[in-house]
Amino acid sequence: MAVVAAALGAGAPRARAARATAAPALTVDRAREPFADRFPNVVLKTHAGKSVRFYDDLLKGKVVVINFMYASCKER
C-alpha cells in the first residue's frame, strides 16, 4: 500500500502538484491553436477606430509577415 501511495504522489509531491495546477489554464479553443500561447490576444484599435483582437482577428488562420524597420538619419 505504501508503494502505491508513493507512486500516486503522496506527501511532498502532492504539494508540488497543487502549485502546478494553480497556473492559468487556456480555454479549449485557444489550447488547440499552435501559436495561441506565443502571441497576446490584446484588444487593439484600427485606424478607423474599430476594436480588434491581435491574435483572433489579425493572425489566426492567416499567413502574416511582420516587418520591423529602423532608420537613423543625420541632420545636415
PDB file of N, CA and C in Angstrom:
ATOM      1  N   MET A   1       0.818  -1.188   0.000  1.00  0.00           N
ATOM      2  CA  MET A   1       0.000   0.000   0.000  1.00  0.00           C
ATOM      3  C   MET A   1       0.864   1.254   0.000  1.00  0.00           C
ATOM      4  N   ALA A   2       1.978   1.239   0.729  1.00  0.00           N
ATOM      5  CA  ALA A   2       2.857   2.407   0.786  1.00  0.00           C
ATOM      6  C   ALA A   2       3.483   2.677  -0.575  1.00  0.00           C
ATOM      7  N   VAL A   3       3.787   1.627  -1.323  1.00  0.00           N
ATOM      8  CA  VAL A   3       4.369   1.795  -2.657  1.00  0.00           C
ATOM      9  C   VAL A   3       3.366   2.466  -3.583  1.00  0.00           C
ATOM     10  N   VAL A   4       2.101   2.071  -3.512  1.00  0.00           N
ATOM     11  CA  VAL A   4       1.059   2.677  -4.337  1.00  0.00           C
ATOM     12  C   VAL A   4       0.878   4.137  -3.970  1.00  0.00           C
ATOM     13  N   ALA A   5       0.885   4.462  -2.675  1.00  0.00           N
ATOM     14  CA  ALA A   5       0.739   5.847  -2.229  1.00  0.00           C
ATOM     15  C   ALA A   5       1.900   6.698  -2.719  1.00  0.00           C
ATOM     16  N   ALA A   6       3.112   6.155  -2.687  1.00  0.00           N
ATOM     17  CA  ALA A   6       4.276   6.901  -3.170  1.00  0.00           C
ATOM     18  C   ALA A   6       4.184   7.113  -4.675  1.00  0.00           C
ATOM     19  N   ALA A   7       3.701   6.112  -5.395  1.00  0.00           N
ATOM     20  CA  ALA A   7       3.584   6.237  -6.846  1.00  0.00           C
ATOM     21  C   ALA A   7       2.511   7.241  -7.243  1.00  0.00           C
ATOM     22  N   LEU A   8       1.486   7.389  -6.405  1.00  0.00           N
ATOM     23  CA  LEU A   8       0.414   8.333  -6.704  1.00  0.00           C
ATOM     24  C   LEU A   8       0.743   9.751  -6.272  1.00  0.00           C
ATOM     25  N   GLY A   9       1.891   9.954  -5.658  1.00  0.00           N
ATOM     26  CA  GLY A   9       2.297  11.303  -5.291  1.00  0.00           C
ATOM     27  C   GLY A   9       1.890  11.711  -3.897  1.00  0.00           C
ATOM     28  N   ALA A  10       1.943  10.811  -2.941  1.00  0.00           N
ATOM     29  CA  ALA A  10       1.608  11.149  -1.558  1.00  0.00           C
ATOM     30  C   ALA A  10       2.726  11.979  -0.951  1.00  0.00           C
ATOM     31  N   GLY A  11       2.383  12.851  -0.025  1.00  0.00           N
ATOM     32  CA  GLY A  11       3.384  13.634   0.690  1.00  0.00           C
ATOM     33  C   GLY A  11       3.775  14.887  -0.059  1.00  0.00           C
ATOM     34  N   ALA A  12       5.058  15.193  -0.092  1.00  0.00           N
ATOM     35  CA  ALA A  12       5.574  16.428  -0.694  1.00  0.00           C
ATOM     36  C   ALA A  12       5.218  16.579  -2.172  1.00  0.00           C
ATOM     37  N   PRO A  13       5.268  15.528  -2.980  1.00  0.00           N
ATOM     38  CA  PRO A  13       4.893  15.719  -4.389  1.00  0.00           C
ATOM     39  C   PRO A  13       3.472  16.227  -4.578  1.00  0.00           C
ATOM     40  N   ARG A  14       2.573  15.922  -3.640  1.00  0.00           N
ATOM     41  CA  ARG A  14       1.201  16.402  -3.755  1.00  0.00           C
ATOM     42  C   ARG A  14       1.171  17.928  -3.683  1.00  0.00           C
ATOM     43  N   ALA A  15       1.966  18.514  -2.806  1.00  0.00           N
ATOM     44  CA  ALA A  15       2.029  19.974  -2.701  1.00  0.00           C
ATOM     45  C   ALA A  15       2.549  20.573  -4.007  1.00  0.00           C
ATOM     46  N   ARG A  16       3.519  19.926  -4.621  1.00  0.00           N
ATOM     47  CA  ARG A  16       4.059  20.403  -5.886  1.00  0.00           C
ATOM     48  C   ARG A  16       2.979  20.373  -6.963  1.00  0.00           C
ATOM     49  N   ALA A  17       2.160  19.333  -6.977  1.00  0.00           N
ATOM     50  CA  ALA A  17       1.086  19.229  -7.964  1.00  0.00           C
ATOM     51  C   ALA A  17       0.043  20.315  -7.755  1.00  0.00           C
ATOM     52  N   ALA A  18      -0.220  20.673  -6.515  1.00  0.00           N
ATOM     53  CA  ALA A  18      -1.198  21.729  -6.239  1.00  0.00           C
ATOM     54  C   ALA A  18      -0.716  23.057  -6.789  1.00  0.00           C
ATOM     55  N   ARG A  19       0.563  23.338  -6.665  1.00  0.00           N
ATOM     56  CA  ARG A  19       1.110  24.581  -7.216  1.00  0.00           C
ATOM     57  C   ARG A  19       1.052  24.569  -8.739  1.00  0.00           C
ATOM     58  N   ALA A  20       1.292  23.431  -9.349  1.00  0.00           N
ATOM     59  CA  ALA A  20       1.298  23.351 -10.810  1.00  0.00           C
ATOM     60  C   ALA A  20      -0.095  23.584 -11.387  1.00  0.00           C
ATOM     61  N   THR A  21      -1.136  23.161 -10.695  1.00  0.00           N
ATOM     62  CA  THR A  21      -2.481  23.351 -11.216  1.00  0.00           C
ATOM     63  C   THR A  21      -2.995  24.763 -10.983  1.00  0.00           C
ATOM     64  N   ALA A  22      -2.273  25.569 -10.205  1.00  0.00           N
ATOM     65  CA  ALA A  22      -2.701  26.938  -9.941  1.00  0.00           C
ATOM     66  C   ALA A  22      -2.402  27.864 -11.119  1.00  0.00           C
ATOM     67  N   ALA A  23      -1.622  27.409 -12.095  1.00  0.00           N
ATOM     68  CA  ALA A  23      -1.294  28.238 -13.258  1.00  0.00           C
ATOM     69  C   ALA A  23      -2.550  28.476 -14.086  1.00  0.00           C
ATOM     70  N   PRO A  24      -2.663  29.647 -14.741  1.00  0.00           N
ATOM     71  CA  PRO A  24      -3.847  29.919 -15.551  1.00  0.00           C
ATOM     72  C   PRO A  24      -3.962  28.933 -16.707  1.00  0.00           C
ATOM     73  N   ALA A  25      -5.148  28.456 -16.936  1.00  0.00           N
ATOM     74  CA  ALA A  25      -5.389  27.476 -17.997  1.00  0.00           C
ATOM     75  C   ALA A  25      -5.888  28.176 -19.252  1.00  0.00           C
ATOM     76  N   LEU A  26      -5.516  27.642 -20.397  1.00  0.00           N
ATOM     77  CA  LEU A  26      -6.021  28.157 -21.666  1.00  0.00           C
ATOM     78  C   LEU A  26      -7.422  27.611 -21.888  1.00  0.00           C
ATOM     79  N   THR A  27      -8.234  28.353 -22.588  1.00  0.00           N
ATOM     80  CA  THR A  27      -9.537  27.814 -22.952  1.00  0.00           C
ATOM     81  C   THR A  27      -9.321  26.720 -23.984  1.00  0.00           C
ATOM     82  N   VAL A  28     -10.304  25.887 -24.183  1.00  0.00           N
ATOM     83  CA  VAL A  28     -10.166  24.764 -25.109  1.00  0.00           C
ATOM     84  C   VAL A  28      -9.849  25.260 -26.513  1.00  0.00           C
ATOM     85  N   ASP A  29     -10.527  26.308 -26.976  1.00  0.00           N
ATOM     86  CA  ASP A  29     -10.287  26.821 -28.325  1.00  0.00           C
ATOM     87  C   ASP A  29      -8.866  27.339 -28.478  1.00  0.00           C
ATOM     88  N   ARG A  30      -8.380  28.106 -27.499  1.00  0.00           N
ATOM     89  CA  ARG A  30      -7.033  28.676 -27.595  1.00  0.00           C
ATOM     90  C   ARG A  30      -5.975  27.596 -27.415  1.00  0.00           C
ATOM     91  N   ALA A  31      -6.256  26.540 -26.652  1.00  0.00           N
ATOM     92  CA  ALA A  31      -5.274  25.482 -26.426  1.00  0.00           C
ATOM     93  C   ALA A  31      -5.026  24.679 -27.695  1.00  0.00           C
ATOM     94  N   ARG A  32      -5.990  24.591 -28.580  1.00  0.00           N
ATOM     95  CA  ARG A  32      -5.833  23.822 -29.816  1.00  0.00           C
ATOM     96  C   ARG A  32      -5.067  24.584 -30.888  1.00  0.00           C
ATOM     97  N   GLU A  33      -4.933  25.871 -30.738  1.00  0.00           N
ATOM     98  CA  GLU A  33      -4.209  26.685 -31.713  1.00  0.00           C
ATOM     99  C   GLU A  33      -2.710  26.558 -31.456  1.00  0.00           C
ATOM    100  N   PRO A  34      -1.908  26.245 -32.477  1.00  0.00           N
ATOM    101  CA  PRO A  34      -0.480  26.015 -32.248  1.00  0.00           C
ATOM    102  C   PRO A  34       0.298  27.255 -31.817  1.00  0.00           C
ATOM    103  N   PHE A  35      -0.150  28.447 -32.171  1.00  0.00           N
ATOM    104  CA  PHE A  35       0.605  29.650 -31.840  1.00  0.00           C
ATOM    105  C   PHE A  35      -0.122  30.555 -30.861  1.00  0.00           C
ATOM    106  N   ALA A  36      -1.235  30.115 -30.320  1.00  0.00           N
ATOM    107  CA  ALA A  36      -2.043  30.957 -29.432  1.00  0.00           C
ATOM    108  C   ALA A  36      -1.277  31.384 -28.192  1.00  0.00           C
ATOM    109  N   ASP A  37      -0.377  30.539 -27.699  1.00  0.00           N
ATOM    110  CA  ASP A  37       0.368  30.897 -26.496  1.00  0.00           C
ATOM    111  C   ASP A  37       1.578  31.781 -26.797  1.00  0.00           C
ATOM    112  N   ARG A  38       1.887  32.012 -28.050  1.00  0.00           N
ATOM    113  CA  ARG A  38       3.050  32.835 -28.411  1.00  0.00           C
ATOM    114  C   ARG A  38       2.704  34.292 -28.666  1.00  0.00           C
ATOM    115  N   PHE A  39       1.446  34.574 -28.950  1.00  0.00           N
ATOM    116  CA  PHE A  39       1.019  35.936 -29.252  1.00  0.00           C
ATOM    117  C   PHE A  39      -0.064  36.369 -28.280  1.00  0.00           C
ATOM    118  N   PRO A  40       0.031  37.577 -27.748  1.00  0.00           N
ATOM    119  CA  PRO A  40      -1.030  38.053 -26.852  1.00  0.00           C
ATOM    120  C   PRO A  40      -2.299  38.327 -27.647  1.00  0.00           C
ATOM    121  N   ASN A  41      -3.424  38.207 -27.006  1.00  0.00           N
ATOM    122  CA  ASN A  41      -4.700  38.437 -27.677  1.00  0.00           C
ATOM    123  C   ASN A  41      -5.311  39.739 -27.173  1.00  0.00           C
ATOM    124  N   VAL A  42      -4.494  40.776 -27.126  1.00  0.00           N
ATOM    125  CA  VAL A  42      -4.933  42.069 -26.600  1.00  0.00           C
ATOM    126  C   VAL A  42      -5.855  42.764 -27.597  1.00  0.00           C
ATOM    127  N   VAL A  43      -6.678  43.650 -27.080  1.00  0.00           N
ATOM    128  CA  VAL A  43      -7.580  44.429 -27.929  1.00  0.00           C
ATOM    129  C   VAL A  43      -6.822  45.643 -28.454  1.00  0.00           C
ATOM    130  N   LEU A  44      -6.877  45.844 -29.772  1.00  0.00           N
ATOM    131  CA  LEU A  44      -6.222  46.977 -30.425  1.00  0.00           C
ATOM    132  C   LEU A  44      -7.266  47.796 -31.170  1.00  0.00           C
ATOM    133  N   LYS A  45      -6.934  49.023 -31.488  1.00  0.00           N
ATOM    134  CA  LYS A  45      -7.809  49.889 -32.291  1.00  0.00           C
ATOM    135  C   LYS A  45      -7.200  50.043 -33.673  1.00  0.00           C
ATOM    136  N   THR A  46      -8.023  49.916 -34.710  1.00  0.00           N
ATOM    137  CA  THR A  46      -7.556  50.144 -36.074  1.00  0.00           C
ATOM    138  C   THR A  46      -7.542  51.642 -36.353  1.00  0.00           C
ATOM    139  N   HIS A  47      -7.051  52.005 -37.523  1.00  0.00           N
ATOM    140  CA  HIS A  47      -7.030  53.418 -37.909  1.00  0.00           C
ATOM    141  C   HIS A  47      -8.446  53.988 -38.033  1.00  0.00           C
ATOM    142  N   ALA A  48      -9.434  53.109 -38.214  1.00  0.00           N
ATOM    143  CA  ALA A  48     -10.829  53.539 -38.328  1.00  0.00           C
ATOM    144  C   ALA A  48     -11.554  53.530 -36.980  1.00  0.00           C
ATOM    145  N   GLY A  49     -10.847  53.164 -35.910  1.00  0.00           N
ATOM    146  CA  GLY A  49     -11.442  53.153 -34.582  1.00  0.00           C
ATOM    147  C   GLY A  49     -12.131  51.855 -34.195  1.00  0.00           C
ATOM    148  N   LYS A  50     -12.051  50.837 -35.042  1.00  0.00           N
ATOM    149  CA  LYS A  50     -12.668  49.542 -34.756  1.00  0.00           C
ATOM    150  C   LYS A  50     -11.781  48.760 -33.784  1.00  0.00           C
ATOM    151  N   SER A  51     -12.389  48.083 -32.806  1.00  0.00           N
ATOM    152  CA  SER A  51     -11.646  47.241 -31.865  1.00  0.00           C
ATOM    153  C   SER A  51     -11.441  45.859 -32.474  1.00  0.00           C
ATOM    154  N   VAL A  52     -10.208  45.363 -32.440  1.00  0.00           N
ATOM    155  CA  VAL A  52      -9.876  44.026 -32.934  1.00  0.00           C
ATOM    156  C   VAL A  52      -8.974  43.346 -31.918  1.00  0.00           C
ATOM    157  N   ARG A  53      -9.005  42.030 -31.902  1.00  0.00           N
ATOM    158  CA  ARG A  53      -8.105  41.251 -31.046  1.00  0.00           C
ATOM    159  C   ARG A  53      -6.885  40.874 -31.878  1.00  0.00           C
ATOM    160  N   PHE A  54      -5.696  41.051 -31.289  1.00  0.00           N
ATOM    161  CA  PHE A  54      -4.448  40.850 -32.020  1.00  0.00           C
ATOM    162  C   PHE A  54      -4.348  39.450 -32.613  1.00  0.00           C
ATOM    163  N   TYR A  55      -4.531  38.411 -31.810  1.00  0.00           N
ATOM    164  CA  TYR A  55      -4.384  37.059 -32.340  1.00  0.00           C
ATOM    165  C   TYR A  55      -5.635  36.594 -33.082  1.00  0.00           C
ATOM    166  N   ASP A  56      -6.791  36.660 -32.431  1.00  0.00           N
ATOM    167  CA  ASP A  56      -8.017  36.108 -33.024  1.00  0.00           C
ATOM    168  C   ASP A  56      -8.410  36.781 -34.330  1.00  0.00           C
ATOM    169  N   ASP A  57      -8.288  38.089 -34.416  1.00  0.00           N
ATOM    170  CA  ASP A  57      -8.757  38.815 -35.599  1.00  0.00           C
ATOM    171  C   ASP A  57      -7.670  39.084 -36.636  1.00  0.00           C
ATOM    172  N   LEU A  58      -6.432  39.237 -36.208  1.00  0.00           N
ATOM    173  CA  LEU A  58      -5.385  39.641 -37.150  1.00  0.00           C
ATOM    174  C   LEU A  58      -4.430  38.523 -37.555  1.00  0.00           C
ATOM    175  N   LEU A  59      -4.209  37.518 -36.703  1.00  0.00           N
ATOM    176  CA  LEU A  59      -3.215  36.492 -37.007  1.00  0.00           C
ATOM    177  C   LEU A  59      -3.786  35.103 -37.271  1.00  0.00           C
ATOM    178  N   LYS A  60      -4.789  34.706 -36.540  1.00  0.00           N
ATOM    179  CA  LYS A  60      -5.306  33.336 -36.559  1.00  0.00           C
ATOM    180  C   LYS A  60      -5.748  32.913 -37.962  1.00  0.00           C
ATOM    181  N   GLY A  61      -5.172  31.811 -38.436  1.00  0.00           N
ATOM    182  CA  GLY A  61      -5.558  31.241 -39.719  1.00  0.00           C
ATOM    183  C   GLY A  61      -5.035  31.981 -40.933  1.00  0.00           C
ATOM    184  N   LYS A  62      -4.084  32.890 -40.745  1.00  0.00           N
ATOM    185  CA  LYS A  62      -3.571  33.685 -41.866  1.00  0.00           C
ATOM    186  C   LYS A  62      -2.057  33.559 -41.952  1.00  0.00           C
ATOM    187  N   VAL A  63      -1.535  33.778 -43.128  1.00  0.00           N
ATOM    188  CA  VAL A  63      -0.095  33.904 -43.307  1.00  0.00           C
ATOM    189  C   VAL A  63       0.222  35.374 -43.102  1.00  0.00           C
ATOM    190  N   VAL A  64       1.070  35.662 -42.131  1.00  0.00           N
ATOM    191  CA  VAL A  64       1.342  37.048 -41.756  1.00  0.00           C
ATOM    192  C   VAL A  64       2.841  37.298 -41.797  1.00  0.00           C
ATOM    193  N   VAL A  65       3.228  38.403 -42.403  1.00  0.00           N
ATOM    194  CA  VAL A  65       4.617  38.849 -42.391  1.00  0.00           C
ATOM    195  C   VAL A  65       4.656  40.158 -41.624  1.00  0.00           C
ATOM    196  N   ILE A  66       5.465  40.189 -40.579  1.00  0.00           N
ATOM    197  CA  ILE A  66       5.627  41.407 -39.792  1.00  0.00           C
ATOM    198  C   ILE A  66       7.043  41.904 -40.013  1.00  0.00           C
ATOM    199  N   ASN A  67       7.163  43.134 -40.442  1.00  0.00           N
ATOM    200  CA  ASN A  67       8.459  43.723 -40.752  1.00  0.00           C
ATOM    201  C   ASN A  67       8.716  44.884 -39.796  1.00  0.00           C
ATOM    202  N   PHE A  68       9.849  44.856 -39.137  1.00  0.00           N
ATOM    203  CA  PHE A  68      10.257  45.952 -38.271  1.00  0.00           C
ATOM    204  C   PHE A  68      11.424  46.664 -38.947  1.00  0.00           C
ATOM    205  N   MET A  69      11.302  47.975 -39.117  1.00  0.00           N
ATOM    206  CA  MET A  69      12.352  48.752 -39.773  1.00  0.00           C
ATOM    207  C   MET A  69      12.822  49.856 -38.844  1.00  0.00           C
ATOM    208  N   TYR A  70      14.075  50.207 -38.991  1.00  0.00           N
ATOM    209  CA  TYR A  70      14.640  51.301 -38.222  1.00  0.00           C
ATOM    210  C   TYR A  70      15.524  52.106 -39.163  1.00  0.00           C
ATOM    211  N   ALA A  71      15.372  53.394 -39.122  1.00  0.00           N
ATOM    212  CA  ALA A  71      16.219  54.273 -39.933  1.00  0.00           C
ATOM    213  C   ALA A  71      16.752  55.378 -39.041  1.00  0.00           C
ATOM    214  N   SER A  72      17.990  55.717 -39.259  1.00  0.00           N
ATOM    215  CA  SER A  72      18.598  56.799 -38.499  1.00  0.00           C
ATOM    216  C   SER A  72      19.219  57.771 -39.492  1.00  0.00           C
ATOM    217  N   CYS A  73      18.664  58.957 -39.555  1.00  0.00           N
ATOM    218  CA  CYS A  73      19.157  59.965 -40.486  1.00  0.00           C
ATOM    219  C   CYS A  73      19.876  61.056 -39.699  1.00  0.00           C
ATOM    220  N   LYS A  74      21.020  61.437 -40.185  1.00  0.00           N
ATOM    221  CA  LYS A  74      21.767  62.506 -39.527  1.00  0.00           C
ATOM    222  C   LYS A  74      21.317  63.848 -40.076  1.00  0.00           C
ATOM    223  N   GLU A  75      21.310  64.831 -39.204  1.00  0.00           N
ATOM    224  CA  GLU A  75      20.944  66.177 -39.646  1.00  0.00           C
ATOM    225  C   GLU A  75      22.041  66.739 -40.524  1.00  0.00           C
ATOM    226  N   ARG A  76      21.664  67.588 -41.462  1.00  0.00           N
ATOM    227  CA  ARG A  76      22.653  68.209 -42.360  1.00  0.00           C
ATOM    228  C   ARG A  76      23.087  69.536 -41.849  1.00  0.00           C
TER     229      ARG A  76
END
